[in-house]
Amino acid sequence: LVQSGEASAQAGGSLRLSCRASRYATSMAWFRQTPGTERE
């Protein structure tokens, strides 16, 4: 999986992230993590 690069926006704005897979996968997901926290 190869993700798009760093992104930033102002509050209220919008962003699009992408993730290119080398082959089909049935299930895909986005997780996020901040320092000192578990990945959610």
PDB file of all heavy atoms in Angstrom:
ATOM      1  N   LEU A   1       0.839  -1.184   0.000  1.00  0.00           N
ATOM      2  CA  LEU A   1       0.000   0.000   0.000  1.00  0.00           C
ATOM      3  C   LEU A   1       0.878   1.239   0.000  1.00  0.00           C
ATOM      4  O   LEU A   1       1.801   1.342   0.811  1.00  0.00           O
ATOM      5  CB  LEU A   1      -0.907   0.011   1.230  1.00  0.00           C
ATOM      6  CG  LEU A   1      -1.803  -1.206   1.437  1.00  0.00           C
ATOM      7  CD1 LEU A   1      -2.544  -1.091   2.767  1.00  0.00           C
ATOM      8  CD2 LEU A   1      -2.793  -1.345   0.291  1.00  0.00           C
ATOM      9  N   VAL A   2       0.580   2.176  -0.891  1.00  0.00           N
ATOM     10  CA  VAL A   2       1.325   3.422  -0.989  1.00  0.00           C
ATOM     11  C   VAL A   2       0.359   4.582  -0.841  1.00  0.00           C
ATOM     12  O   VAL A   2      -0.569   4.731  -1.638  1.00  0.00           O
ATOM     13  CB  VAL A   2       2.078   3.528  -2.324  1.00  0.00           C
ATOM     14  CG1 VAL A   2       2.830   4.853  -2.396  1.00  0.00           C
ATOM     15  CG2 VAL A   2       3.028   2.363  -2.491  1.00  0.00           C
ATOM     16  N   GLN A   3       0.580   5.407   0.177  1.00  0.00           N
ATOM     17  CA  GLN A   3      -0.318   6.490   0.482  1.00  0.00           C
ATOM     18  C   GLN A   3       0.158   7.802  -0.123  1.00  0.00           C
ATOM     19  O   GLN A   3       1.335   7.995  -0.421  1.00  0.00           O
ATOM     20  CB  GLN A   3      -0.453   6.665   2.001  1.00  0.00           C
ATOM     21  CG  GLN A   3      -1.027   5.449   2.705  1.00  0.00           C
ATOM     22  CD  GLN A   3      -1.164   5.644   4.194  1.00  0.00           C
ATOM     23  OE1 GLN A   3      -0.929   4.710   4.969  1.00  0.00           O
ATOM     24  NE2 GLN A   3      -1.556   6.844   4.621  1.00  0.00           N
ATOM     25  N   SER A   4      -0.796   8.739  -0.273  1.00  0.00           N
ATOM     26  CA  SER A   4      -0.473  10.077  -0.708  1.00  0.00           C
ATOM     27  C   SER A   4       0.302  10.807   0.383  1.00  0.00           C
ATOM     28  O   SER A   4       0.373  10.356   1.528  1.00  0.00           O
ATOM     29  CB  SER A   4      -1.738  10.846  -1.066  1.00  0.00           C
ATOM     30  OG  SER A   4      -2.686  10.789  -0.011  1.00  0.00           O
ATOM     31  N   GLY A   5       0.884  11.946   0.023  1.00  0.00           N
ATOM     32  CA  GLY A   5       1.772  12.657   0.922  1.00  0.00           C
ATOM     33  C   GLY A   5       1.070  13.505   1.959  1.00  0.00           C
ATOM     34  O   GLY A   5      -0.156  13.635   1.992  1.00  0.00           O
ATOM     35  N   GLU A   6       1.888  14.110   2.809  1.00  0.00           N
ATOM     36  CA  GLU A   6       1.429  14.967   3.892  1.00  0.00           C
ATOM     37  C   GLU A   6       0.414  15.990   3.400  1.00  0.00           C
ATOM     38  O   GLU A   6       0.559  16.554   2.309  1.00  0.00           O
ATOM     39  CB  GLU A   6       2.632  15.673   4.509  1.00  0.00           C
ATOM     40  CG  GLU A   6       2.323  16.584   5.661  1.00  0.00           C
ATOM     41  CD  GLU A   6       3.582  17.210   6.230  1.00  0.00           C
ATOM     42  OE1 GLU A   6       4.670  16.625   6.054  1.00  0.00           O
ATOM     43  OE2 GLU A   6       3.484  18.282   6.853  1.00  0.00           O
ATOM     44  N   ALA A   7      -0.617  16.225   4.204  1.00  0.00           N
ATOM     45  CA  ALA A   7      -1.684  17.135   3.819  1.00  0.00           C
ATOM     46  C   ALA A   7      -2.054  18.033   4.982  1.00  0.00           C
ATOM     47  O   ALA A   7      -1.999  17.622   6.146  1.00  0.00           O
ATOM     48  CB  ALA A   7      -2.908  16.356   3.351  1.00  0.00           C
ATOM     49  N   SER A   8      -2.456  19.250   4.663  1.00  0.00           N
ATOM     50  CA  SER A   8      -2.870  20.189   5.695  1.00  0.00           C
ATOM     51  C   SER A   8      -4.047  21.018   5.212  1.00  0.00           C
ATOM     52  O   SER A   8      -4.248  21.207   4.010  1.00  0.00           O
ATOM     53  CB  SER A   8      -1.708  21.105   6.097  1.00  0.00           C
ATOM     54  OG  SER A   8      -1.269  21.877   5.001  1.00  0.00           O
ATOM     55  N   ALA A   9      -4.821  21.510   6.167  1.00  0.00           N
ATOM     56  CA  ALA A   9      -5.979  22.329   5.857  1.00  0.00           C
ATOM     57  C   ALA A   9      -6.331  23.179   7.065  1.00  0.00           C
ATOM     58  O   ALA A   9      -5.897  22.905   8.191  1.00  0.00           O
ATOM     59  CB  ALA A   9      -7.167  21.470   5.464  1.00  0.00           C
ATOM     60  N   GLN A  10      -7.118  24.205   6.817  1.00  0.00           N
ATOM     61  CA  GLN A  10      -7.676  24.998   7.893  1.00  0.00           C
ATOM     62  C   GLN A  10      -8.932  24.329   8.426  1.00  0.00           C
ATOM     63  O   GLN A  10      -9.584  23.551   7.740  1.00  0.00           O
ATOM     64  CB  GLN A  10      -8.017  26.404   7.405  1.00  0.00           C
ATOM     65  CG  GLN A  10      -6.828  27.227   6.957  1.00  0.00           C
ATOM     66  CD  GLN A  10      -5.916  27.572   8.103  1.00  0.00           C
ATOM     67  OE1 GLN A  10      -4.749  27.199   8.109  1.00  0.00           O
ATOM     68  NE2 GLN A  10      -6.444  28.274   9.100  1.00  0.00           N
ATOM     69  N   ALA A  11      -9.273  24.623   9.668  1.00  0.00           N
ATOM     70  CA  ALA A  11     -10.511  24.111  10.238  1.00  0.00           C
ATOM     71  C   ALA A  11     -11.684  24.479   9.345  1.00  0.00           C
ATOM     72  O   ALA A  11     -11.781  25.603   8.859  1.00  0.00           O
ATOM     73  CB  ALA A  11     -10.718  24.671  11.637  1.00  0.00           C
ATOM     74  N   GLY A  12     -12.558  23.510   9.129  1.00  0.00           N
ATOM     75  CA  GLY A  12     -13.687  23.700   8.235  1.00  0.00           C
ATOM     76  C   GLY A  12     -13.408  23.319   6.802  1.00  0.00           C
ATOM     77  O   GLY A  12     -14.349  23.243   5.997  1.00  0.00           O
ATOM     78  N   GLY A  13     -12.156  23.056   6.486  1.00  0.00           N
ATOM     79  CA  GLY A  13     -11.771  22.713   5.134  1.00  0.00           C
ATOM     80  C   GLY A  13     -11.925  21.239   4.830  1.00  0.00           C
ATOM     81  O   GLY A  13     -12.447  20.458   5.635  1.00  0.00           O
ATOM     82  N   SER A  14     -11.432  20.853   3.649  1.00  0.00           N
ATOM     83  CA  SER A  14     -11.564  19.485   3.164  1.00  0.00           C
ATOM     84  C   SER A  14     -10.232  18.977   2.633  1.00  0.00           C
ATOM     85  O   SER A  14      -9.405  19.747   2.152  1.00  0.00           O
ATOM     86  CB  SER A  14     -12.604  19.412   2.049  1.00  0.00           C
ATOM     87  OG  SER A  14     -13.876  19.849   2.491  1.00  0.00           O
ATOM     88  N   LEU A  15     -10.057  17.671   2.709  1.00  0.00           N
ATOM     89  CA  LEU A  15      -8.882  17.010   2.175  1.00  0.00           C
ATOM     90  C   LEU A  15      -9.278  15.660   1.609  1.00  0.00           C
ATOM     91  O   LEU A  15     -10.269  15.072   2.037  1.00  0.00           O
ATOM     92  CB  LEU A  15      -7.816  16.790   3.253  1.00  0.00           C
ATOM     93  CG  LEU A  15      -7.106  18.007   3.829  1.00  0.00           C
ATOM     94  CD1 LEU A  15      -6.276  17.584   5.039  1.00  0.00           C
ATOM     95  CD2 LEU A  15      -6.225  18.662   2.779  1.00  0.00           C
ATOM     96  N   ARG A  16      -8.486  15.175   0.675  1.00  0.00           N
ATOM     97  CA  ARG A  16      -8.633  13.821   0.162  1.00  0.00           C
ATOM     98  C   ARG A  16      -7.317  13.084   0.300  1.00  0.00           C
ATOM     99  O   ARG A  16      -6.282  13.559  -0.177  1.00  0.00           O
ATOM    100  CB  ARG A  16      -9.076  13.813  -1.300  1.00  0.00           C
ATOM    101  CG  ARG A  16      -8.904  12.447  -1.991  1.00  0.00           C
ATOM    102  CD  ARG A  16      -9.511  12.374  -3.378  1.00  0.00           C
ATOM    103  NE  ARG A  16     -10.914  11.977  -3.311  1.00  0.00           N
ATOM    104  CZ  ARG A  16     -11.581  11.417  -4.318  1.00  0.00           C
ATOM    105  NH1 ARG A  16     -10.984  11.217  -5.488  1.00  0.00           N
ATOM    106  NH2 ARG A  16     -12.857  11.094  -4.164  1.00  0.00           N
ATOM    107  N   LEU A  17      -7.351  11.940   0.950  1.00  0.00           N
ATOM    108  CA  LEU A  17      -6.212  11.047   1.039  1.00  0.00           C
ATOM    109  C   LEU A  17      -6.412   9.882   0.083  1.00  0.00           C
ATOM    110  O   LEU A  17      -7.542   9.463  -0.167  1.00  0.00           O
ATOM    111  CB  LEU A  17      -6.037  10.503   2.453  1.00  0.00           C
ATOM    112  CG  LEU A  17      -5.983  11.507   3.597  1.00  0.00           C
ATOM    113  CD1 LEU A  17      -5.731  10.769   4.910  1.00  0.00           C
ATOM    114  CD2 LEU A  17      -4.914  12.554   3.350  1.00  0.00           C
ATOM    115  N   SER A  18      -5.324   9.336  -0.417  1.00  0.00           N
ATOM    116  CA  SER A  18      -5.416   8.177  -1.291  1.00  0.00           C
ATOM    117  C   SER A  18      -4.433   7.101  -0.863  1.00  0.00           C
ATOM    118  O   SER A  18      -3.422   7.377  -0.216  1.00  0.00           O
ATOM    119  CB  SER A  18      -5.184   8.555  -2.757  1.00  0.00           C
ATOM    120  OG  SER A  18      -3.852   8.987  -2.970  1.00  0.00           O
ATOM    121  N   CYS A  19      -4.745   5.884  -1.243  1.00  0.00           N
ATOM    122  CA  CYS A  19      -3.933   4.721  -0.902  1.00  0.00           C
ATOM    123  C   CYS A  19      -4.008   3.765  -2.079  1.00  0.00           C
ATOM    124  O   CYS A  19      -5.071   3.219  -2.372  1.00  0.00           O
ATOM    125  CB  CYS A  19      -4.461   4.071   0.375  1.00  0.00           C
ATOM    126  SG  CYS A  19      -3.711   2.487   0.799  1.00  0.00           S
ATOM    127  N   ARG A  20      -2.882   3.578  -2.754  1.00  0.00           N
ATOM    128  CA  ARG A  20      -2.828   2.711  -3.920  1.00  0.00           C
ATOM    129  C   ARG A  20      -2.365   1.323  -3.515  1.00  0.00           C
ATOM    130  O   ARG A  20      -1.289   1.163  -2.934  1.00  0.00           O
ATOM    131  CB  ARG A  20      -1.893   3.299  -4.983  1.00  0.00           C
ATOM    132  CG  ARG A  20      -1.884   2.510  -6.277  1.00  0.00           C
ATOM    133  CD  ARG A  20      -0.968   3.142  -7.317  1.00  0.00           C
ATOM    134  NE  ARG A  20       0.433   3.003  -6.953  1.00  0.00           N
ATOM    135  CZ  ARG A  20       1.211   3.997  -6.550  1.00  0.00           C
ATOM    136  NH1 ARG A  20       0.723   5.232  -6.447  1.00  0.00           N
ATOM    137  NH2 ARG A  20       2.478   3.772  -6.255  1.00  0.00           N
ATOM    138  N   ALA A  21      -3.174   0.324  -3.832  1.00  0.00           N
ATOM    139  CA  ALA A  21      -2.843  -1.058  -3.518  1.00  0.00           C
ATOM    140  C   ALA A  21      -2.244  -1.752  -4.730  1.00  0.00           C
ATOM    141  O   ALA A  21      -2.602  -1.459  -5.874  1.00  0.00           O
ATOM    142  CB  ALA A  21      -4.084  -1.810  -3.055  1.00  0.00           C
ATOM    143  N   SER A  22      -1.340  -2.672  -4.475  1.00  0.00           N
ATOM    144  CA  SER A  22      -0.704  -3.406  -5.556  1.00  0.00           C
ATOM    145  C   SER A  22      -1.614  -4.469  -6.156  1.00  0.00           C
ATOM    146  O   SER A  22      -1.347  -4.958  -7.255  1.00  0.00           O
ATOM    147  CB  SER A  22       0.595  -4.054  -5.069  1.00  0.00           C
ATOM    148  OG  SER A  22       0.337  -4.982  -4.032  1.00  0.00           O
ATOM    149  N   ARG A  23      -2.665  -4.806  -5.439  1.00  0.00           N
ATOM    150  CA  ARG A  23      -3.631  -5.774  -5.910  1.00  0.00           C
ATOM    151  C   ARG A  23      -4.924  -5.599  -5.143  1.00  0.00           C
ATOM    152  O   ARG A  23      -4.976  -4.898  -4.118  1.00  0.00           O
ATOM    153  CB  ARG A  23      -3.105  -7.207  -5.755  1.00  0.00           C
ATOM    154  CG  ARG A  23      -2.770  -7.589  -4.315  1.00  0.00           C
ATOM    155  CD  ARG A  23      -2.802  -9.086  -4.130  1.00  0.00           C
ATOM    156  NE  ARG A  23      -4.161  -9.598  -4.298  1.00  0.00           N
ATOM    157  CZ  ARG A  23      -4.482 -10.879  -4.407  1.00  0.00           C
ATOM    158  NH1 ARG A  23      -3.530 -11.799  -4.405  1.00  0.00           N
ATOM    159  NH2 ARG A  23      -5.742 -11.248  -4.534  1.00  0.00           N
ATOM    160  N   TYR A  24      -5.953  -6.264  -5.604  1.00  0.00           N
ATOM    161  CA  TYR A  24      -7.244  -6.170  -4.943  1.00  0.00           C
ATOM    162  C   TYR A  24      -7.201  -6.770  -3.545  1.00  0.00           C
ATOM    163  O   TYR A  24      -6.621  -7.825  -3.326  1.00  0.00           O
ATOM    164  CB  TYR A  24      -8.319  -6.880  -5.770  1.00  0.00           C
ATOM    165  CG  TYR A  24      -9.666  -6.933  -5.096  1.00  0.00           C
ATOM    166  CD1 TYR A  24     -10.515  -5.828  -5.123  1.00  0.00           C
ATOM    167  CD2 TYR A  24     -10.083  -8.075  -4.424  1.00  0.00           C
ATOM    168  CE1 TYR A  24     -11.746  -5.862  -4.501  1.00  0.00           C
ATOM    169  CE2 TYR A  24     -11.319  -8.114  -3.799  1.00  0.00           C
ATOM    170  CZ  TYR A  24     -12.149  -7.010  -3.840  1.00  0.00           C
ATOM    171  OH  TYR A  24     -13.379  -7.043  -3.219  1.00  0.00           O
ATOM    172  N   ALA A  25      -7.840  -6.078  -2.609  1.00  0.00           N
ATOM    173  CA  ALA A  25      -8.058  -6.587  -1.266  1.00  0.00           C
ATOM    174  C   ALA A  25      -9.524  -6.395  -0.929  1.00  0.00           C
ATOM    175  O   ALA A  25     -10.098  -5.339  -1.214  1.00  0.00           O
ATOM    176  CB  ALA A  25      -7.183  -5.856  -0.251  1.00  0.00           C
ATOM    177  N   THR A  26     -10.125  -7.409  -0.332  1.00  0.00           N
ATOM    178  CA  THR A  26     -11.547  -7.347  -0.055  1.00  0.00           C
ATOM    179  C   THR A  26     -11.905  -6.205   0.887  1.00  0.00           C
ATOM    180  O   THR A  26     -12.839  -5.441   0.624  1.00  0.00           O
ATOM    181  CB  THR A  26     -12.039  -8.679   0.531  1.00  0.00           C
ATOM    182  OG1 THR A  26     -11.804  -9.729  -0.418  1.00  0.00           O
ATOM    183  CG2 THR A  26     -13.528  -8.625   0.842  1.00  0.00           C
ATOM    184  N   SER A  27     -11.178  -6.091   1.985  1.00  0.00           N
ATOM    185  CA  SER A  27     -11.464  -5.072   2.985  1.00  0.00           C
ATOM    186  C   SER A  27     -10.298  -4.101   3.103  1.00  0.00           C
ATOM    187  O   SER A  27      -9.142  -4.518   3.171  1.00  0.00           O
ATOM    188  CB  SER A  27     -11.743  -5.701   4.346  1.00  0.00           C
ATOM    189  OG  SER A  27     -12.922  -6.484   4.315  1.00  0.00           O
ATOM    190  N   MET A  28     -10.615  -2.822   3.140  1.00  0.00           N
ATOM    191  CA  MET A  28      -9.610  -1.798   3.345  1.00  0.00           C
ATOM    192  C   MET A  28     -10.153  -0.784   4.337  1.00  0.00           C
ATOM    193  O   MET A  28     -11.369  -0.636   4.499  1.00  0.00           O
ATOM    194  CB  MET A  28      -9.225  -1.120   2.029  1.00  0.00           C
ATOM    195  CG  MET A  28      -8.611  -2.072   1.015  1.00  0.00           C
ATOM    196  SD  MET A  28      -7.997  -1.250  -0.482  1.00  0.00           S
ATOM    197  CE  MET A  28      -6.538  -0.427   0.166  1.00  0.00           C
ATOM    198  N   ALA A  29      -9.245  -0.081   4.992  1.00  0.00           N
ATOM    199  CA  ALA A  29      -9.655   0.819   6.065  1.00  0.00           C
ATOM    200  C   ALA A  29      -8.653   1.946   6.236  1.00  0.00           C
ATOM    201  O   ALA A  29      -7.505   1.870   5.778  1.00  0.00           O
ATOM    202  CB  ALA A  29      -9.793   0.053   7.375  1.00  0.00           C
ATOM    203  N   TRP A  30      -9.106   2.983   6.912  1.00  0.00           N
ATOM    204  CA  TRP A  30      -8.253   4.067   7.372  1.00  0.00           C
ATOM    205  C   TRP A  30      -8.241   4.074   8.891  1.00  0.00           C
ATOM    206  O   TRP A  30      -9.301   4.014   9.530  1.00  0.00           O
ATOM    207  CB  TRP A  30      -8.741   5.430   6.867  1.00  0.00           C
ATOM    208  CG  TRP A  30      -8.601   5.621   5.400  1.00  0.00           C
ATOM    209  CD1 TRP A  30      -9.547   5.450   4.446  1.00  0.00           C
ATOM    210  CD2 TRP A  30      -7.417   6.043   4.716  1.00  0.00           C
ATOM    211  NE1 TRP A  30      -9.045   5.731   3.202  1.00  0.00           N
ATOM    212  CE2 TRP A  30      -7.737   6.101   3.338  1.00  0.00           C
ATOM    213  CE3 TRP A  30      -6.125   6.376   5.125  1.00  0.00           C
ATOM    214  CZ2 TRP A  30      -6.809   6.475   2.370  1.00  0.00           C
ATOM    215  CZ3 TRP A  30      -5.197   6.747   4.160  1.00  0.00           C
ATOM    216  CH2 TRP A  30      -5.545   6.793   2.802  1.00  0.00           C
ATOM    217  N   PHE A  31      -7.054   4.131   9.455  1.00  0.00           N
ATOM    218  CA  PHE A  31      -6.854   4.321  10.887  1.00  0.00           C
ATOM    219  C   PHE A  31      -6.100   5.620  11.101  1.00  0.00           C
ATOM    220  O   PHE A  31      -5.468   6.148  10.191  1.00  0.00           O
ATOM    221  CB  PHE A  31      -6.059   3.153  11.487  1.00  0.00           C
ATOM    222  CG  PHE A  31      -6.854   1.892  11.680  1.00  0.00           C
ATOM    223  CD1 PHE A  31      -7.287   1.151  10.601  1.00  0.00           C
ATOM    224  CD2 PHE A  31      -7.162   1.447  12.957  1.00  0.00           C
ATOM    225  CE1 PHE A  31      -8.020  -0.014  10.772  1.00  0.00           C
ATOM    226  CE2 PHE A  31      -7.887   0.279  13.152  1.00  0.00           C
ATOM    227  CZ  PHE A  31      -8.321  -0.445  12.059  1.00  0.00           C
ATOM    228  N   ARG A  32      -6.154   6.132  12.321  1.00  0.00           N
ATOM    229  CA  ARG A  32      -5.354   7.307  12.640  1.00  0.00           C
ATOM    230  C   ARG A  32      -4.785   7.178  14.041  1.00  0.00           C
ATOM    231  O   ARG A  32      -5.327   6.475  14.896  1.00  0.00           O
ATOM    232  CB  ARG A  32      -6.160   8.601  12.502  1.00  0.00           C
ATOM    233  CG  ARG A  32      -7.308   8.775  13.485  1.00  0.00           C
ATOM    234  CD  ARG A  32      -8.103  10.028  13.125  1.00  0.00           C
ATOM    235  NE  ARG A  32      -9.179  10.294  14.066  1.00  0.00           N
ATOM    236  CZ  ARG A  32     -10.092  11.247  13.912  1.00  0.00           C
ATOM    237  NH1 ARG A  32     -10.056  12.026  12.836  1.00  0.00           N
ATOM    238  NH2 ARG A  32     -11.035  11.421  14.826  1.00  0.00           N
ATOM    239  N   GLN A  33      -3.682   7.877  14.260  1.00  0.00           N
ATOM    240  CA  GLN A  33      -2.981   7.769  15.525  1.00  0.00           C
ATOM    241  C   GLN A  33      -2.310   9.089  15.857  1.00  0.00           C
ATOM    242  O   GLN A  33      -1.691   9.712  15.002  1.00  0.00           O
ATOM    243  CB  GLN A  33      -1.936   6.649  15.456  1.00  0.00           C
ATOM    244  CG  GLN A  33      -1.254   6.337  16.773  1.00  0.00           C
ATOM    245  CD  GLN A  33      -0.393   5.100  16.671  1.00  0.00           C
ATOM    246  OE1 GLN A  33       0.107   4.759  15.603  1.00  0.00           O
ATOM    247  NE2 GLN A  33      -0.227   4.401  17.785  1.00  0.00           N
ATOM    248  N   THR A  34      -2.444   9.511  17.108  1.00  0.00           N
ATOM    249  CA  THR A  34      -1.755  10.682  17.616  1.00  0.00           C
ATOM    250  C   THR A  34      -0.715  10.220  18.628  1.00  0.00           C
ATOM    251  O   THR A  34      -0.814   9.114  19.174  1.00  0.00           O
ATOM    252  CB  THR A  34      -2.728  11.673  18.258  1.00  0.00           C
ATOM    253  OG1 THR A  34      -3.485  11.009  19.275  1.00  0.00           O
ATOM    254  CG2 THR A  34      -3.685  12.232  17.219  1.00  0.00           C
ATOM    255  N   PRO A  35       0.293  11.038  18.908  1.00  0.00           N
ATOM    256  CA  PRO A  35       1.342  10.614  19.835  1.00  0.00           C
ATOM    257  C   PRO A  35       0.791  10.181  21.187  1.00  0.00           C
ATOM    258  O   PRO A  35      -0.039  10.873  21.783  1.00  0.00           O
ATOM    259  CB  PRO A  35       2.214  11.866  19.963  1.00  0.00           C
ATOM    260  CG  PRO A  35       2.026  12.568  18.658  1.00  0.00           C
ATOM    261  CD  PRO A  35       0.583  12.351  18.312  1.00  0.00           C
ATOM    262  N   GLY A  36       1.247   9.027  21.652  1.00  0.00           N
ATOM    263  CA  GLY A  36       0.843   8.532  22.956  1.00  0.00           C
ATOM    264  C   GLY A  36      -0.500   7.842  23.001  1.00  0.00           C
ATOM    265  O   GLY A  36      -0.944   7.459  24.083  1.00  0.00           O
ATOM    266  N   THR A  37      -1.161   7.668  21.859  1.00  0.00           N
ATOM    267  CA  THR A  37      -2.457   7.015  21.820  1.00  0.00           C
ATOM    268  C   THR A  37      -2.412   5.767  20.951  1.00  0.00           C
ATOM    269  O   THR A  37      -1.503   5.578  20.149  1.00  0.00           O
ATOM    270  CB  THR A  37      -3.555   7.949  21.292  1.00  0.00           C
ATOM    271  OG1 THR A  37      -3.367   8.164  19.887  1.00  0.00           O
ATOM    272  CG2 THR A  37      -3.524   9.287  22.011  1.00  0.00           C
ATOM    273  N   GLU A  38      -3.414   4.926  21.125  1.00  0.00           N
ATOM    274  CA  GLU A  38      -3.515   3.738  20.297  1.00  0.00           C
ATOM    275  C   GLU A  38      -4.061   4.109  18.926  1.00  0.00           C
ATOM    276  O   GLU A  38      -4.731   5.134  18.757  1.00  0.00           O
ATOM    277  CB  GLU A  38      -4.421   2.696  20.965  1.00  0.00           C
ATOM    278  CG  GLU A  38      -5.871   3.133  21.085  1.00  0.00           C
ATOM    279  CD  GLU A  38      -6.735   2.091  21.770  1.00  0.00           C
ATOM    280  OE1 GLU A  38      -6.193   1.130  22.337  1.00  0.00           O
ATOM    281  OE2 GLU A  38      -7.972   2.243  21.746  1.00  0.00           O
ATOM    282  N   ARG A  39      -3.763   3.284  17.964  1.00  0.00           N
ATOM    283  CA  ARG A  39      -4.274   3.495  16.625  1.00  0.00           C
ATOM    284  C   ARG A  39      -5.767   3.164  16.601  1.00  0.00           C
ATOM    285  O   ARG A  39      -6.182   2.102  17.050  1.00  0.00           O
ATOM    286  CB  ARG A  39      -3.507   2.618  15.638  1.00  0.00           C
ATOM    287  CG  ARG A  39      -3.708   2.971  14.188  1.00  0.00           C
ATOM    288  CD  ARG A  39      -2.688   2.251  13.297  1.00  0.00           C
ATOM    289  NE  ARG A  39      -1.326   2.665  13.591  1.00  0.00           N
ATOM    290  CZ  ARG A  39      -0.268   2.271  12.897  1.00  0.00           C
ATOM    291  NH1 ARG A  39      -0.413   1.456  11.859  1.00  0.00           N
ATOM    292  NH2 ARG A  39       0.936   2.695  13.243  1.00  0.00           N
ATOM    293  N   GLU A  40      -6.571   4.083  16.077  1.00  0.00           N
ATOM    294  CA  GLU A  40      -8.012   3.901  16.095  1.00  0.00           C
ATOM    295  C   GLU A  40      -8.579   3.871  14.683  1.00  0.00           C
ATOM    296  O   GLU A  40      -8.111   4.588  13.789  1.00  0.00           O
ATOM    297  CB  GLU A  40      -8.699   5.005  16.898  1.00  0.00           C
ATOM    298  CG  GLU A  40      -8.549   6.394  16.328  1.00  0.00           C
ATOM    299  CD  GLU A  40      -9.295   7.438  17.135  1.00  0.00           C
ATOM    300  OE1 GLU A  40      -9.863   7.105  18.183  1.00  0.00           O
ATOM    301  OE2 GLU A  40      -9.303   8.617  16.713  1.00  0.00           O
TER     302      GLU A  40
END
